[in-house]
């Protein structure tokens, strides 16, 4: 997995474990639950412009590339 944020990356959600899941809203990370993450994960998975990387804290960050 990439270790650096891709250029033009727009974050949607991040997770490190079942207990550490957040969605990105209004320019901030908001703690959320697994049900919300699962629906976001499914929506992310069908995007053609989806991208992900791992941050310095070990979170997998999912989003898309804005052109």
PDB file of N, CA and C in Angstrom:
ATOM      1  N   UNK A   1       0.852  -1.180   0.000  1.00  0.00           N
ATOM      2  CA  UNK A   1       0.000   0.000   0.000  1.00  0.00           C
ATOM      3  C   UNK A   1       0.897   1.242   0.000  1.00  0.00           C
ATOM      4  N   UNK A   2       0.439   2.260  -0.686  1.00  0.00           N
ATOM      5  CA  UNK A   2       1.185   3.521  -0.730  1.00  0.00           C
ATOM      6  C   UNK A   2       1.387   4.073   0.666  1.00  0.00           C
ATOM      7  N   UNK A   3       2.524   4.710   0.890  1.00  0.00           N
ATOM      8  CA  UNK A   3       2.818   5.317   2.186  1.00  0.00           C
ATOM      9  C   UNK A   3       2.713   6.839   2.141  1.00  0.00           C
ATOM     10  N   UNK A   4       2.488   7.394   0.950  1.00  0.00           N
ATOM     11  CA  UNK A   4       2.344   8.844   0.836  1.00  0.00           C
ATOM     12  C   UNK A   4       1.004   9.186   0.200  1.00  0.00           C
ATOM     13  N   UNK A   5       0.490  10.337   0.573  1.00  0.00           N
ATOM     14  CA  UNK A   5      -0.800  10.798   0.056  1.00  0.00           C
ATOM     15  C   UNK A   5      -0.657  11.127  -1.431  1.00  0.00           C
ATOM     16  N   UNK A   6      -1.496  10.533  -2.279  1.00  0.00           N
ATOM     17  CA  UNK A   6      -1.435  10.826  -3.716  1.00  0.00           C
ATOM     18  C   UNK A   6      -1.857  12.279  -4.007  1.00  0.00           C
ATOM     19  N   UNK A   7      -1.324  12.833  -5.046  1.00  0.00           N
ATOM     20  CA  UNK A   7      -1.694  14.197  -5.448  1.00  0.00           C
ATOM     21  C   UNK A   7      -3.164  14.239  -5.838  1.00  0.00           C
ATOM     22  N   UNK A   8      -3.890  15.255  -5.361  1.00  0.00           N
ATOM     23  CA  UNK A   8      -5.301  15.421  -5.668  1.00  0.00           C
ATOM     24  C   UNK A   8      -6.216  14.509  -4.866  1.00  0.00           C
ATOM     25  N   UNK A   9      -5.692  13.888  -3.806  1.00  0.00           N
ATOM     26  CA  UNK A   9      -6.448  12.920  -3.017  1.00  0.00           C
ATOM     27  C   UNK A   9      -7.490  13.610  -2.137  1.00  0.00           C
ATOM     28  N   UNK A  10      -8.725  13.112  -2.172  1.00  0.00           N
ATOM     29  CA  UNK A  10      -9.820  13.598  -1.333  1.00  0.00           C
ATOM     30  C   UNK A  10     -10.214  12.445  -0.397  1.00  0.00           C
ATOM     31  N   UNK A  11     -10.011  12.594   0.926  1.00  0.00           N
ATOM     32  CA  UNK A  11     -10.318  11.491   1.839  1.00  0.00           C
ATOM     33  C   UNK A  11     -11.823  11.317   2.059  1.00  0.00           C
ATOM     34  N   UNK A  12     -12.229  10.064   2.262  1.00  0.00           N
ATOM     35  CA  UNK A  12     -13.623   9.746   2.584  1.00  0.00           C
ATOM     36  C   UNK A  12     -13.719   9.124   3.973  1.00  0.00           C
ATOM     37  N   UNK A  13     -12.853   8.138   4.248  1.00  0.00           N
ATOM     38  CA  UNK A  13     -12.860   7.473   5.552  1.00  0.00           C
ATOM     39  C   UNK A  13     -11.518   6.820   5.808  1.00  0.00           C
ATOM     40  N   UNK A  14     -11.266   6.474   7.090  1.00  0.00           N
ATOM     41  CA  UNK A  14     -10.033   5.779   7.443  1.00  0.00           C
ATOM     42  C   UNK A  14     -10.326   4.769   8.536  1.00  0.00           C
ATOM     43  N   UNK A  15      -9.483   3.745   8.587  1.00  0.00           N
ATOM     44  CA  UNK A  15      -9.631   2.731   9.616  1.00  0.00           C
ATOM     45  C   UNK A  15      -8.290   2.079   9.903  1.00  0.00           C
ATOM     46  N   UNK A  16      -8.137   1.650  11.147  1.00  0.00           N
ATOM     47  CA  UNK A  16      -6.962   0.879  11.549  1.00  0.00           C
ATOM     48  C   UNK A  16      -7.408  -0.458  12.137  1.00  0.00           C
ATOM     49  N   UNK A  17      -8.562  -0.468  12.757  1.00  0.00           N
ATOM     50  CA  UNK A  17      -9.135  -1.681  13.326  1.00  0.00           C
ATOM     51  C   UNK A  17     -10.647  -1.478  13.444  1.00  0.00           C
ATOM     52  N   UNK A  18     -11.336  -2.489  13.947  1.00  0.00           N
ATOM     53  CA  UNK A  18     -12.786  -2.369  14.137  1.00  0.00           C
ATOM     54  C   UNK A  18     -13.136  -1.287  15.152  1.00  0.00           C
ATOM     55  N   UNK A  19     -12.202  -0.942  16.013  1.00  0.00           N
ATOM     56  CA  UNK A  19     -12.444   0.061  17.056  1.00  0.00           C
ATOM     57  C   UNK A  19     -11.989   1.457  16.650  1.00  0.00           C
ATOM     58  N   UNK A  20     -11.226   1.555  15.566  1.00  0.00           N
ATOM     59  CA  UNK A  20     -10.676   2.839  15.128  1.00  0.00           C
ATOM     60  C   UNK A  20     -11.110   3.131  13.691  1.00  0.00           C
ATOM     61  N   UNK A  21     -12.319   3.675  13.554  1.00  0.00           N
ATOM     62  CA  UNK A  21     -12.899   3.960  12.251  1.00  0.00           C
ATOM     63  C   UNK A  21     -13.450   5.382  12.260  1.00  0.00           C
ATOM     64  N   UNK A  22     -13.124   6.132  11.207  1.00  0.00           N
ATOM     65  CA  UNK A  22     -13.510   7.535  11.124  1.00  0.00           C
ATOM     66  C   UNK A  22     -13.958   7.872   9.713  1.00  0.00           C
ATOM     67  N   UNK A  23     -14.911   8.787   9.596  1.00  0.00           N
ATOM     68  CA  UNK A  23     -15.294   9.332   8.289  1.00  0.00           C
ATOM     69  C   UNK A  23     -14.811  10.777   8.238  1.00  0.00           C
ATOM     70  N   UNK A  24     -14.542  11.264   7.032  1.00  0.00           N
ATOM     71  CA  UNK A  24     -14.059  12.629   6.856  1.00  0.00           C
ATOM     72  C   UNK A  24     -15.243  13.502   6.467  1.00  0.00           C
ATOM     73  N   UNK A  25     -15.531  14.500   7.300  1.00  0.00           N
ATOM     74  CA  UNK A  25     -16.689  15.362   7.070  1.00  0.00           C
ATOM     75  C   UNK A  25     -16.367  16.766   7.568  1.00  0.00           C
ATOM     76  N   UNK A  26     -16.678  17.776   6.750  1.00  0.00           N
ATOM     77  CA  UNK A  26     -16.438  19.178   7.111  1.00  0.00           C
ATOM     78  C   UNK A  26     -14.987  19.414   7.535  1.00  0.00           C
ATOM     79  N   UNK A  27     -14.049  18.839   6.777  1.00  0.00           N
ATOM     80  CA  UNK A  27     -12.606  19.009   7.000  1.00  0.00           C
ATOM     81  C   UNK A  27     -12.114  18.466   8.337  1.00  0.00           C
ATOM     82  N   UNK A  28     -12.796  17.456   8.873  1.00  0.00           N
ATOM     83  CA  UNK A  28     -12.322  16.843  10.108  1.00  0.00           C
ATOM     84  C   UNK A  28     -12.694  15.357  10.146  1.00  0.00           C
ATOM     85  N   UNK A  29     -11.934  14.598  10.941  1.00  0.00           N
ATOM     86  CA  UNK A  29     -12.213  13.181  11.126  1.00  0.00           C
ATOM     87  C   UNK A  29     -13.207  13.015  12.249  1.00  0.00           C
ATOM     88  N   UNK A  30     -14.286  12.244  11.992  1.00  0.00           N
ATOM     89  CA  UNK A  30     -15.353  12.009  12.965  1.00  0.00           C
ATOM     90  C   UNK A  30     -15.446  10.511  13.221  1.00  0.00           C
ATOM     91  N   UNK A  31     -15.327  10.119  14.485  1.00  0.00           N
ATOM     92  CA  UNK A  31     -15.416   8.698  14.847  1.00  0.00           C
ATOM     93  C   UNK A  31     -16.774   8.157  14.415  1.00  0.00           C
ATOM     94  N   UNK A  32     -16.759   6.965  13.852  1.00  0.00           N
ATOM     95  CA  UNK A  32     -17.990   6.362  13.357  1.00  0.00           C
ATOM     96  C   UNK A  32     -18.014   4.878  13.700  1.00  0.00           C
ATOM     97  N   UNK A  33     -19.017   4.171  13.218  1.00  0.00           N
ATOM     98  CA  UNK A  33     -19.156   2.748  13.553  1.00  0.00           C
ATOM     99  C   UNK A  33     -18.941   1.868  12.321  1.00  0.00           C
ATOM    100  N   UNK A  34     -18.865   0.582  12.560  1.00  0.00           N
ATOM    101  CA  UNK A  34     -18.565  -0.359  11.485  1.00  0.00           C
ATOM    102  C   UNK A  34     -19.649  -0.391  10.406  1.00  0.00           C
ATOM    103  N   UNK A  35     -20.904  -0.221  10.768  1.00  0.00           N
ATOM    104  CA  UNK A  35     -21.993  -0.216   9.781  1.00  0.00           C
ATOM    105  C   UNK A  35     -21.803   0.924   8.783  1.00  0.00           C
ATOM    106  N   UNK A  36     -21.486   2.104   9.284  1.00  0.00           N
ATOM    107  CA  UNK A  36     -21.251   3.257   8.404  1.00  0.00           C
ATOM    108  C   UNK A  36     -20.037   3.011   7.523  1.00  0.00           C
ATOM    109  N   UNK A  37     -18.955   2.517   8.111  1.00  0.00           N
ATOM    110  CA  UNK A  37     -17.740   2.250   7.342  1.00  0.00           C
ATOM    111  C   UNK A  37     -17.992   1.214   6.257  1.00  0.00           C
ATOM    112  N   UNK A  38     -18.762   0.169   6.562  1.00  0.00           N
ATOM    113  CA  UNK A  38     -19.031  -0.865   5.558  1.00  0.00           C
ATOM    114  C   UNK A  38     -19.775  -0.297   4.352  1.00  0.00           C
ATOM    115  N   UNK A  39     -20.744   0.577   4.582  1.00  0.00           N
ATOM    116  CA  UNK A  39     -21.458   1.164   3.441  1.00  0.00           C
ATOM    117  C   UNK A  39     -20.546   2.105   2.669  1.00  0.00           C
ATOM    118  N   UNK A  40     -19.690   2.835   3.377  1.00  0.00           N
ATOM    119  CA  UNK A  40     -18.743   3.727   2.700  1.00  0.00           C
ATOM    120  C   UNK A  40     -17.707   2.907   1.930  1.00  0.00           C
ATOM    121  N   UNK A  41     -17.275   1.792   2.508  1.00  0.00           N
ATOM    122  CA  UNK A  41     -16.289   0.936   1.863  1.00  0.00           C
ATOM    123  C   UNK A  41     -16.857   0.377   0.561  1.00  0.00           C
ATOM    124  N   UNK A  42     -18.111  -0.043   0.587  1.00  0.00           N
ATOM    125  CA  UNK A  42     -18.749  -0.565  -0.623  1.00  0.00           C
ATOM    126  C   UNK A  42     -18.827   0.526  -1.695  1.00  0.00           C
ATOM    127  N   UNK A  43     -19.261   1.721  -1.323  1.00  0.00           N
ATOM    128  CA  UNK A  43     -19.359   2.833  -2.286  1.00  0.00           C
ATOM    129  C   UNK A  43     -17.981   3.177  -2.843  1.00  0.00           C
ATOM    130  N   UNK A  44     -16.960   3.144  -1.985  1.00  0.00           N
ATOM    131  CA  UNK A  44     -15.596   3.432  -2.443  1.00  0.00           C
ATOM    132  C   UNK A  44     -15.132   2.365  -3.429  1.00  0.00           C
ATOM    133  N   UNK A  45     -15.461   1.108  -3.152  1.00  0.00           N
ATOM    134  CA  UNK A  45     -15.002  -0.005  -3.979  1.00  0.00           C
ATOM    135  C   UNK A  45     -15.506   0.027  -5.408  1.00  0.00           C
ATOM    136  N   UNK A  46     -16.646   0.651  -5.658  1.00  0.00           N
ATOM    137  CA  UNK A  46     -17.184   0.699  -7.017  1.00  0.00           C
ATOM    138  C   UNK A  46     -16.753   1.962  -7.776  1.00  0.00           C
ATOM    139  N   UNK A  47     -16.031   2.869  -7.117  1.00  0.00           N
ATOM    140  CA  UNK A  47     -15.544   4.084  -7.787  1.00  0.00           C
ATOM    141  C   UNK A  47     -14.402   3.737  -8.738  1.00  0.00           C
ATOM    142  N   UNK A  48     -14.397   4.347  -9.892  1.00  0.00           N
ATOM    143  CA  UNK A  48     -13.295   4.151 -10.831  1.00  0.00           C
ATOM    144  C   UNK A  48     -12.078   4.982 -10.433  1.00  0.00           C
ATOM    145  N   UNK A  49     -12.289   6.061  -9.663  1.00  0.00           N
ATOM    146  CA  UNK A  49     -11.182   6.935  -9.269  1.00  0.00           C
ATOM    147  C   UNK A  49     -10.748   6.710  -7.813  1.00  0.00           C
ATOM    148  N   UNK A  50     -11.146   5.572  -7.230  1.00  0.00           N
ATOM    149  CA  UNK A  50     -10.800   5.280  -5.844  1.00  0.00           C
ATOM    150  C   UNK A  50      -9.304   5.108  -5.648  1.00  0.00           C
ATOM    151  N   UNK A  51      -8.822   5.530  -4.483  1.00  0.00           N
ATOM    152  CA  UNK A  51      -7.414   5.420  -4.144  1.00  0.00           C
ATOM    153  C   UNK A  51      -7.295   5.250  -2.637  1.00  0.00           C
ATOM    154  N   UNK A  52      -6.150   4.727  -2.192  1.00  0.00           N
ATOM    155  CA  UNK A  52      -5.922   4.594  -0.756  1.00  0.00           C
ATOM    156  C   UNK A  52      -4.429   4.689  -0.476  1.00  0.00           C
ATOM    157  N   UNK A  53      -4.130   5.014   0.771  1.00  0.00           N
ATOM    158  CA  UNK A  53      -2.744   5.017   1.227  1.00  0.00           C
ATOM    159  C   UNK A  53      -2.731   4.801   2.726  1.00  0.00           C
ATOM    160  N   UNK A  54      -1.541   4.569   3.272  1.00  0.00           N
ATOM    161  CA  UNK A  54      -1.406   4.377   4.713  1.00  0.00           C
ATOM    162  C   UNK A  54      -0.668   5.558   5.300  1.00  0.00           C
ATOM    163  N   UNK A  55      -1.238   6.174   6.352  1.00  0.00           N
ATOM    164  CA  UNK A  55      -0.598   7.331   6.958  1.00  0.00           C
ATOM    165  C   UNK A  55       0.449   6.906   7.991  1.00  0.00           C
ATOM    166  N   UNK A  56       1.117   7.893   8.577  1.00  0.00           N
ATOM    167  CA  UNK A  56       2.196   7.616   9.518  1.00  0.00           C
ATOM    168  C   UNK A  56       1.717   6.967  10.820  1.00  0.00           C
ATOM    169  N   UNK A  57       0.405   7.043  11.100  1.00  0.00           N
ATOM    170  CA  UNK A  57      -0.155   6.417  12.303  1.00  0.00           C
ATOM    171  C   UNK A  57      -0.664   4.998  12.044  1.00  0.00           C
ATOM    172  N   UNK A  58      -0.511   4.515  10.819  1.00  0.00           N
ATOM    173  CA  UNK A  58      -0.926   3.163  10.483  1.00  0.00           C
ATOM    174  C   UNK A  58      -2.363   3.026  10.012  1.00  0.00           C
ATOM    175  N   UNK A  59      -3.066   4.156   9.826  1.00  0.00           N
ATOM    176  CA  UNK A  59      -4.431   4.109   9.312  1.00  0.00           C
ATOM    177  C   UNK A  59      -4.416   3.899   7.800  1.00  0.00           C
ATOM    178  N   UNK A  60      -5.317   3.065   7.317  1.00  0.00           N
ATOM    179  CA  UNK A  60      -5.568   2.960   5.878  1.00  0.00           C
ATOM    180  C   UNK A  60      -6.596   4.041   5.565  1.00  0.00           C
ATOM    181  N   UNK A  61      -6.237   4.957   4.675  1.00  0.00           N
ATOM    182  CA  UNK A  61      -7.114   6.072   4.328  1.00  0.00           C
ATOM    183  C   UNK A  61      -7.644   5.854   2.920  1.00  0.00           C
ATOM    184  N   UNK A  62      -8.966   5.854   2.795  1.00  0.00           N
ATOM    185  CA  UNK A  62      -9.647   5.593   1.523  1.00  0.00           C
ATOM    186  C   UNK A  62     -10.254   6.906   1.018  1.00  0.00           C
ATOM    187  N   UNK A  63     -10.159   7.101  -0.272  1.00  0.00           N
ATOM    188  CA  UNK A  63     -10.730   8.291  -0.879  1.00  0.00           C
ATOM    189  C   UNK A  63     -10.709   8.169  -2.385  1.00  0.00           C
ATOM    190  N   UNK A  64     -10.597   9.312  -3.043  1.00  0.00           N
ATOM    191  CA  UNK A  64     -10.555   9.319  -4.496  1.00  0.00           C
ATOM    192  C   UNK A  64      -9.642  10.435  -4.956  1.00  0.00           C
ATOM    193  N   UNK A  65      -9.273  10.382  -6.228  1.00  0.00           N
ATOM    194  CA  UNK A  65      -8.397  11.378  -6.828  1.00  0.00           C
ATOM    195  C   UNK A  65      -9.262  12.392  -7.571  1.00  0.00           C
ATOM    196  N   UNK A  66      -9.164  13.646  -7.159  1.00  0.00           N
ATOM    197  CA  UNK A  66      -9.901  14.709  -7.832  1.00  0.00           C
ATOM    198  C   UNK A  66      -9.070  15.218  -8.998  1.00  0.00           C
ATOM    199  N   UNK A  67      -9.693  15.269 -10.160  1.00  0.00           N
ATOM    200  CA  UNK A  67      -8.971  15.757 -11.350  1.00  0.00           C
ATOM    201  C   UNK A  67      -9.256  17.195 -11.621  1.00  0.00           C
TER     202      UNK A  67
END
